[in-house]
C-alpha atoms as a PDB file:
ATOM      1  CA  GLN A   1       1.463   5.368  12.780  1.00  0.00           C
ATOM      2  CA  THR A   2       0.173   4.856   9.264  1.00  0.00           C
ATOM      3  CA  TRP A   3      -1.734   8.611   9.749  1.00  0.00           C
ATOM      4  CA  VAL A   4       1.193  10.349  11.864  1.00  0.00           C
ATOM      5  CA  VAL A   5       3.631   9.258   8.295  1.00  0.00           C
ATOM      6  CA  ALA A   6       1.084  10.292   5.539  1.00  0.00           C
ATOM      7  CA  SER A   7      -0.004  13.629   7.207  1.00  0.00           C
ATOM      8  CA  GLY A   8       2.997  14.735   6.856  1.00  0.00           C
ATOM      9  CA  LEU A   9       3.254  13.728   3.496  1.00  0.00           C
ATOM     10  CA  TYR A  10       0.004  14.906   2.118  1.00  0.00           C
ATOM     11  CA  ARG A  11      -0.421  17.950   5.105  1.00  0.00           C
ATOM     12  CA  THR A  12      -3.643  17.030   6.998  1.00  0.00           C
ATOM     13  CA  GLU A  13      -4.400  16.886  10.222  1.00  0.00           C
ATOM     14  CA  MET A  14      -5.066  13.392  11.709  1.00  0.00           C
ATOM     15  CA  PRO A  15      -8.533  12.980  12.343  1.00  0.00           C
ATOM     16  CA  ALA A  16     -10.747  13.054  15.815  1.00  0.00           C
ATOM     17  CA  LYS A  17     -12.515   9.622  15.357  1.00  0.00           C
ATOM     18  CA  LYS A  18     -10.367   6.755  14.374  1.00  0.00           C
ATOM     19  CA  LEU A  19     -10.629   5.155  10.858  1.00  0.00           C
ATOM     20  CA  ASP A  20     -12.753   1.677  10.282  1.00  0.00           C
ATOM     21  CA  VAL A  21     -10.452  -1.154  10.025  1.00  0.00           C
ATOM     22  CA  HIS A  22     -11.773  -4.650   9.295  1.00  0.00           C
ATOM     23  CA  LEU A  23      -9.250  -6.735  10.179  1.00  0.00           C
ATOM     24  CA  TYR A  24     -10.384 -10.816   8.729  1.00  0.00           C
ATOM     25  CA  ARG A  25      -9.125 -14.041  10.425  1.00  0.00           C
ATOM     26  CA  ASN A  26      -9.069 -15.907   7.696  1.00  0.00           C
ATOM     27  CA  ILE A  27      -8.755 -15.501   3.160  1.00  0.00           C
ATOM     28  CA  ASP A  28     -12.616 -17.083   3.529  1.00  0.00           C
ATOM     29  CA  GLY A  29     -14.380 -14.386   5.702  1.00  0.00           C
ATOM     30  CA  TYR A  30     -12.793 -11.714   3.501  1.00  0.00           C
ATOM     31  CA  VAL A  31     -14.102 -13.269   0.359  1.00  0.00           C
ATOM     32  CA  ALA A  32     -17.082 -12.722   2.041  1.00  0.00           C
ATOM     33  CA  ALA A  33     -17.347  -9.153   3.169  1.00  0.00           C
ATOM     34  CA  GLU A  34     -15.337  -8.047   0.328  1.00  0.00           C
ATOM     35  CA  GLU A  35     -17.646  -9.724  -2.090  1.00  0.00           C
ATOM     36  CA  LYS A  36     -20.816  -7.630  -0.780  1.00  0.00           C
ATOM     37  CA  LEU A  37     -19.416  -4.704  -0.915  1.00  0.00           C
ATOM     38  CA  THR A  38     -17.235  -4.321  -4.129  1.00  0.00           C
ATOM     39  CA  GLY A  39     -18.392  -7.720  -6.142  1.00  0.00           C
ATOM     40  CA  GLY A  40     -15.144  -8.672  -6.055  1.00  0.00           C
ATOM     41  CA  LYS A  41     -13.207  -6.557  -7.784  1.00  0.00           C
ATOM     42  CA  PHE A  42     -10.778  -6.536  -5.062  1.00  0.00           C
ATOM     43  CA  LYS A  43     -10.612 -10.933  -4.447  1.00  0.00           C
ATOM     44  CA  ARG A  44      -7.390 -10.920  -5.728  1.00  0.00           C
ATOM     45  CA  ASN A  45      -5.527  -8.102  -3.756  1.00  0.00           C
ATOM     46  CA  LEU A  46      -7.057  -9.527  -0.523  1.00  0.00           C
ATOM     47  CA  ALA A  47      -6.894  -6.035   0.961  1.00  0.00           C
ATOM     48  CA  PHE A  48      -9.220  -2.678  -0.038  1.00  0.00           C
ATOM     49  CA  ALA A  49     -10.122   0.309   1.328  1.00  0.00           C
ATOM     50  CA  ARG A  50     -13.916   2.150   0.440  1.00  0.00           C
ATOM     51  CA  PHE A  51     -13.598   6.117   0.092  1.00  0.00           C
ATOM     52  CA  ASP A  52     -17.735   6.130   0.715  1.00  0.00           C
ATOM     53  CA  THR A  53     -17.120   4.659   3.701  1.00  0.00           C
ATOM     54  CA  LEU A  54     -13.831   5.387   4.827  1.00  0.00           C
ATOM     55  CA  SER A  55     -12.620   2.233   5.856  1.00  0.00           C
ATOM     56  CA  ALA A  56      -9.628  -0.311   5.349  1.00  0.00           C
ATOM     57  CA  HIS A  57     -10.664  -3.926   4.890  1.00  0.00           C
ATOM     58  CA  VAL A  58      -7.777  -6.951   5.296  1.00  0.00           C
ATOM     59  CA  THR A  59      -6.961 -10.558   5.391  1.00  0.00           C
ATOM     60  CA  LEU A  60      -4.603 -11.725   8.375  1.00  0.00           C
ATOM     61  CA  GLN A  61      -1.435 -12.986   6.441  1.00  0.00           C
ATOM     62  CA  PRO A  62       0.198 -15.859   6.414  1.00  0.00           C
ATOM     63  CA  PRO A  63      -2.747 -17.655   7.690  1.00  0.00           C
ATOM     64  CA  ILE A  64      -1.470 -18.529  12.148  1.00  0.00           C
ATOM     65  CA  SER A  65      -3.259 -20.124  14.457  1.00  0.00           C
ATOM     66  CA  ASP A  66      -4.797 -17.643  18.060  1.00  0.00           C
ATOM     67  CA  SER A  67      -1.859 -18.505  19.940  1.00  0.00           C
ATOM     68  CA  LEU A  68       1.031 -18.126  17.906  1.00  0.00           C
ATOM     69  CA  LEU A  69      -1.053 -14.953  16.765  1.00  0.00           C
ATOM     70  CA  GLN A  70      -0.318 -14.156  20.826  1.00  0.00           C
ATOM     71  CA  GLU A  71       2.026 -15.161  21.417  1.00  0.00           C
ATOM     72  CA  VAL A  72       3.958 -12.682  17.738  1.00  0.00           C
ATOM     73  CA  GLY A  73       1.534 -10.784  16.995  1.00  0.00           C
ATOM     74  CA  LEU A  74       0.456  -9.215  13.891  1.00  0.00           C
ATOM     75  CA  PRO A  75       2.414 -10.903  11.141  1.00  0.00           C
ATOM     76  CA  LYS A  76       4.125  -8.276   8.826  1.00  0.00           C
ATOM     77  CA  GLN A  77       1.984  -8.814   6.184  1.00  0.00           C
ATOM     78  CA  SER A  78      -0.164  -7.814   7.834  1.00  0.00           C
ATOM     79  CA  ALA A  79       1.422  -5.240   8.776  1.00  0.00           C
ATOM     80  CA  ARG A  80       2.151  -4.062   5.753  1.00  0.00           C
ATOM     81  CA  LEU A  81      -1.327  -4.056   4.042  1.00  0.00           C
ATOM     82  CA  LEU A  82      -2.616  -2.063   6.776  1.00  0.00           C
ATOM     83  CA  ALA A  83       0.011   0.662   6.179  1.00  0.00           C
ATOM     84  CA  HIS A  84      -0.710   0.462   2.527  1.00  0.00           C
ATOM     85  CA  GLU A  85      -4.590   0.578   2.937  1.00  0.00           C
ATOM     86  CA  LEU A  86      -4.707   3.610   5.856  1.00  0.00           C
ATOM     87  CA  ALA A  87      -2.479   5.118   3.216  1.00  0.00           C
ATOM     88  CA  HIS A  88      -5.098   5.022   1.112  1.00  0.00           C
ATOM     89  CA  LEU A  89      -7.841   6.476   3.575  1.00  0.00           C
ATOM     90  CA  VAL A  90      -5.246   9.036   4.698  1.00  0.00           C
ATOM     91  CA  ARG A  91      -5.281  10.565   1.104  1.00  0.00           C
ATOM     92  CA  TYR A  92      -9.145   9.859   1.093  1.00  0.00           C
ATOM     93  CA  LYS A  93      -9.754  12.243   4.072  1.00  0.00           C
ATOM     94  CA  ARG A  94      -7.093  14.344   3.043  1.00  0.00           C
ATOM     95  CA  MET A  95      -8.938  14.544  -0.735  1.00  0.00           C
ATOM     96  CA  PRO A  96     -12.542  14.231  -0.975  1.00  0.00           C
ATOM     97  CA  ASN A  97     -13.259  15.967  -3.831  1.00  0.00           C
ATOM     98  CA  SER A  98      -9.779  14.842  -6.185  1.00  0.00           C
ATOM     99  CA  PHE A  99      -8.927  11.981  -4.700  1.00  0.00           C
ATOM    100  CA  ARG A 100     -10.423   9.237  -8.126  1.00  0.00           C
ATOM    101  CA  ASP A 101      -8.450  11.421 -10.678  1.00  0.00           C
ATOM    102  CA  HIS A 102      -5.120  11.276  -8.984  1.00  0.00           C
ATOM    103  CA  PRO A 103      -2.670   9.007 -11.178  1.00  0.00           C
ATOM    104  CA  ARG A 104      -2.477   4.796 -10.233  1.00  0.00           C
ATOM    105  CA  TRP A 105       1.323   6.014  -9.744  1.00  0.00           C
ATOM    106  CA  LEU A 106       0.636   8.151  -7.213  1.00  0.00           C
ATOM    107  CA  ILE A 107      -1.870   6.141  -6.082  1.00  0.00           C
ATOM    108  CA  ASP A 108      -0.519   3.143  -5.084  1.00  0.00           C
ATOM    109  CA  GLY A 109       3.757   4.610  -5.200  1.00  0.00           C
ATOM    110  CA  VAL A 110       2.783   6.661  -2.333  1.00  0.00           C
ATOM    111  CA  ALA A 111       0.612   4.202  -0.492  1.00  0.00           C
ATOM    112  CA  THR A 112       3.195   1.580  -0.554  1.00  0.00           C
ATOM    113  CA  HIS A 113       6.079   4.225   0.100  1.00  0.00           C
ATOM    114  CA  ILE A 114       3.596   5.330   3.445  1.00  0.00           C
ATOM    115  CA  GLU A 115       4.258   1.314   4.142  1.00  0.00           C
ATOM    116  CA  GLU A 116       7.525   1.480   3.769  1.00  0.00           C
ATOM    117  CA  GLU A 117       7.925   4.302   6.481  1.00  0.00           C
ATOM    118  CA  VAL A 118       5.124   2.884   9.042  1.00  0.00           C
ATOM    119  CA  LEU A 119       7.386  -0.967   9.105  1.00  0.00           C
ATOM    120  CA  ALA A 120      10.508   0.569   9.785  1.00  0.00           C
ATOM    121  CA  ALA A 121       8.698   3.136  12.609  1.00  0.00           C
ATOM    122  CA  ILE A 122       7.038   0.252  14.342  1.00  0.00           C
ATOM    123  CA  GLY A 123      10.790  -1.991  14.123  1.00  0.00           C
ATOM    124  CA  TYR A 124       8.887  -4.545  11.059  1.00  0.00           C
ATOM    125  CA  ILE A 125      11.880  -3.588   9.121  1.00  0.00           C
ATOM    126  CA  ASP A 126      15.859  -1.698   9.082  1.00  0.00           C
ATOM    127  CA  SER A 127      15.589  -0.948   5.846  1.00  0.00           C
ATOM    128  CA  PRO A 128      13.641  -1.966   2.100  1.00  0.00           C
ATOM    129  CA  MET A 129      16.145  -3.866   0.899  1.00  0.00           C
ATOM    130  CA  HIS A 130      16.739  -5.717   4.047  1.00  0.00           C
ATOM    131  CA  ASP A 131      13.211  -6.840   3.723  1.00  0.00           C
ATOM    132  CA  PRO A 132      12.073  -9.980   1.625  1.00  0.00           C
ATOM    133  CA  ASN A 133       9.512  -7.946  -0.161  1.00  0.00           C
ATOM    134  CA  PHE A 134      10.739  -4.038  -0.724  1.00  0.00           C
ATOM    135  CA  GLY A 135      13.946  -6.279  -1.557  1.00  0.00           C
ATOM    136  CA  ALA A 136      11.689  -8.429  -4.630  1.00  0.00           C
ATOM    137  CA  ASP A 137      10.016  -5.115  -5.918  1.00  0.00           C
ATOM    138  CA  ALA A 138      13.615  -2.881  -6.184  1.00  0.00           C
ATOM    139  CA  SER A 139      14.946  -7.066  -7.636  1.00  0.00           C
ATOM    140  CA  ARG A 140      12.155  -6.405 -10.115  1.00  0.00           C
ATOM    141  CA  GLY A 141      12.478  -3.119 -11.153  1.00  0.00           C
ATOM    142  CA  LYS A 142      16.201  -4.181 -11.710  1.00  0.00           C
ATOM    143  CA  ARG A 143      14.854  -7.200 -13.971  1.00  0.00           C
ATOM    144  CA  LEU A 144      12.194  -4.619 -15.278  1.00  0.00           C
ATOM    145  CA  LEU A 145      15.957  -2.557 -16.467  1.00  0.00           C
ATOM    146  CA  ARG A 146      17.864  -5.805 -17.836  1.00  0.00           C
ATOM    147  CA  GLU A 147      15.353  -6.852 -20.009  1.00  0.00           C
ATOM    148  CA  GLY A 148      14.157  -3.357 -21.073  1.00  0.00           C
ATOM    149  CA  LYS A 149      11.150  -3.484 -19.587  1.00  0.00           C
ATOM    150  CA  LEU A 150      10.993  -0.794 -17.536  1.00  0.00           C
ATOM    151  CA  PRO A 151       8.977   1.774 -18.118  1.00  0.00           C
ATOM    152  CA  THR A 152      10.016   5.343 -18.732  1.00  0.00           C
ATOM    153  CA  VAL A 153       8.600   7.949 -16.948  1.00  0.00           C
ATOM    154  CA  GLU A 154       6.146   8.997 -19.518  1.00  0.00           C
ATOM    155  CA  GLN A 155       5.071   6.085 -19.437  1.00  0.00           C
ATOM    156  CA  LEU A 156       4.340   5.737 -15.794  1.00  0.00           C
ATOM    157  CA  LEU A 157       3.234   9.229 -15.734  1.00  0.00           C
ATOM    158  CA  ASP A 158       0.206   8.474 -18.504  1.00  0.00           C
ATOM    159  CA  ASN A 159      -1.575   6.889 -16.007  1.00  0.00           C
ATOM    160  CA  GLU A 160      -2.812   3.665 -18.620  1.00  0.00           C
ATOM    161  CA  LYS A 161      -1.953   0.430 -18.154  1.00  0.00           C
ATOM    162  CA  LEU A 162       1.565  -0.866 -17.988  1.00  0.00           C
ATOM    163  CA  ASP A 163       2.511  -3.369 -19.774  1.00  0.00           C
ATOM    164  CA  LEU A 164       3.849  -5.571 -16.732  1.00  0.00           C
ATOM    165  CA  GLY A 165       2.273  -8.053 -14.153  1.00  0.00           C
ATOM    166  CA  PHE A 166       0.525  -7.330 -10.927  1.00  0.00           C
ATOM    167  CA  TYR A 167       3.261  -7.496  -8.827  1.00  0.00           C
ATOM    168  CA  GLU A 168       5.788  -5.675 -11.319  1.00  0.00           C
ATOM    169  CA  GLU A 169       3.176  -2.999 -11.465  1.00  0.00           C
ATOM    170  CA  TYR A 170       3.104  -2.050  -7.484  1.00  0.00           C
ATOM    171  CA  SER A 171       6.860  -2.129  -7.430  1.00  0.00           C
ATOM    172  CA  VAL A 172       7.853  -0.088 -10.580  1.00  0.00           C
ATOM    173  CA  ARG A 173       5.204   2.808  -8.716  1.00  0.00           C
ATOM    174  CA  TRP A 174       6.766   1.946  -5.645  1.00  0.00           C
ATOM    175  CA  LEU A 175      10.153   2.734  -7.420  1.00  0.00           C
ATOM    176  CA  PHE A 176       9.683   5.715  -8.604  1.00  0.00           C
ATOM    177  CA  VAL A 177       8.027   7.518  -5.784  1.00  0.00           C
ATOM    178  CA  ASP A 178      10.662   6.301  -3.536  1.00  0.00           C
ATOM    179  CA  MET A 179      12.749   8.248  -5.912  1.00  0.00           C
ATOM    180  CA  MET A 180      10.811  11.413  -5.909  1.00  0.00           C
ATOM    181  CA  VAL A 181      10.891  11.626  -2.620  1.00  0.00           C
ATOM    182  CA  THR A 182      14.381  10.030  -1.736  1.00  0.00           C
ATOM    183  CA  LYS A 183      15.685  13.012  -4.447  1.00  0.00           C
ATOM    184  CA  TYR A 184      13.458  15.406  -4.472  1.00  0.00           C
ATOM    185  CA  GLU A 185      12.048  15.647  -1.160  1.00  0.00           C
ATOM    186  CA  LYS A 186      11.385  19.134  -1.283  1.00  0.00           C
ATOM    187  CA  GLN A 187      10.029  19.431  -4.476  1.00  0.00           C
ATOM    188  CA  PHE A 188       8.018  16.135  -4.180  1.00  0.00           C
END
């Protein structure tokens, strides 16, 4: 489903070969693999995508028993992370010569937008604002606006590190892309 949503946005076709996805059963397994692959760069994220291997690596979240996993299926947080990281893989595959030059607002804003669309398509959410994660992102944006700390579009497009926390940066990037897609879909 991620490829379907992302390919529409990036105007690319689905690959003949399935993408390489690693879903780690626990954090320890993820941390061990991540340390070997990136030296700790994405340890905090509990998820990352690699261009050189076109692979995604995600920790199962939250930790649940095998029986509950069998009964209820993939937790929403894991589905979110998988969709997000796979969105990066689609971008890598579609633009192998230019993806390194993409600004952060595009990289994470579009991946989070795709994540939102995928979760809606597979029935994990009915509306982003009714979802605790996307609702929290919107609330962070509103709080930053109230506090006078919401970056301007110029600051966002500048691609410099924003003077925000980890989650605030992701929130602002998603809100920007979501606004662009919603209000200016044809131009975007």
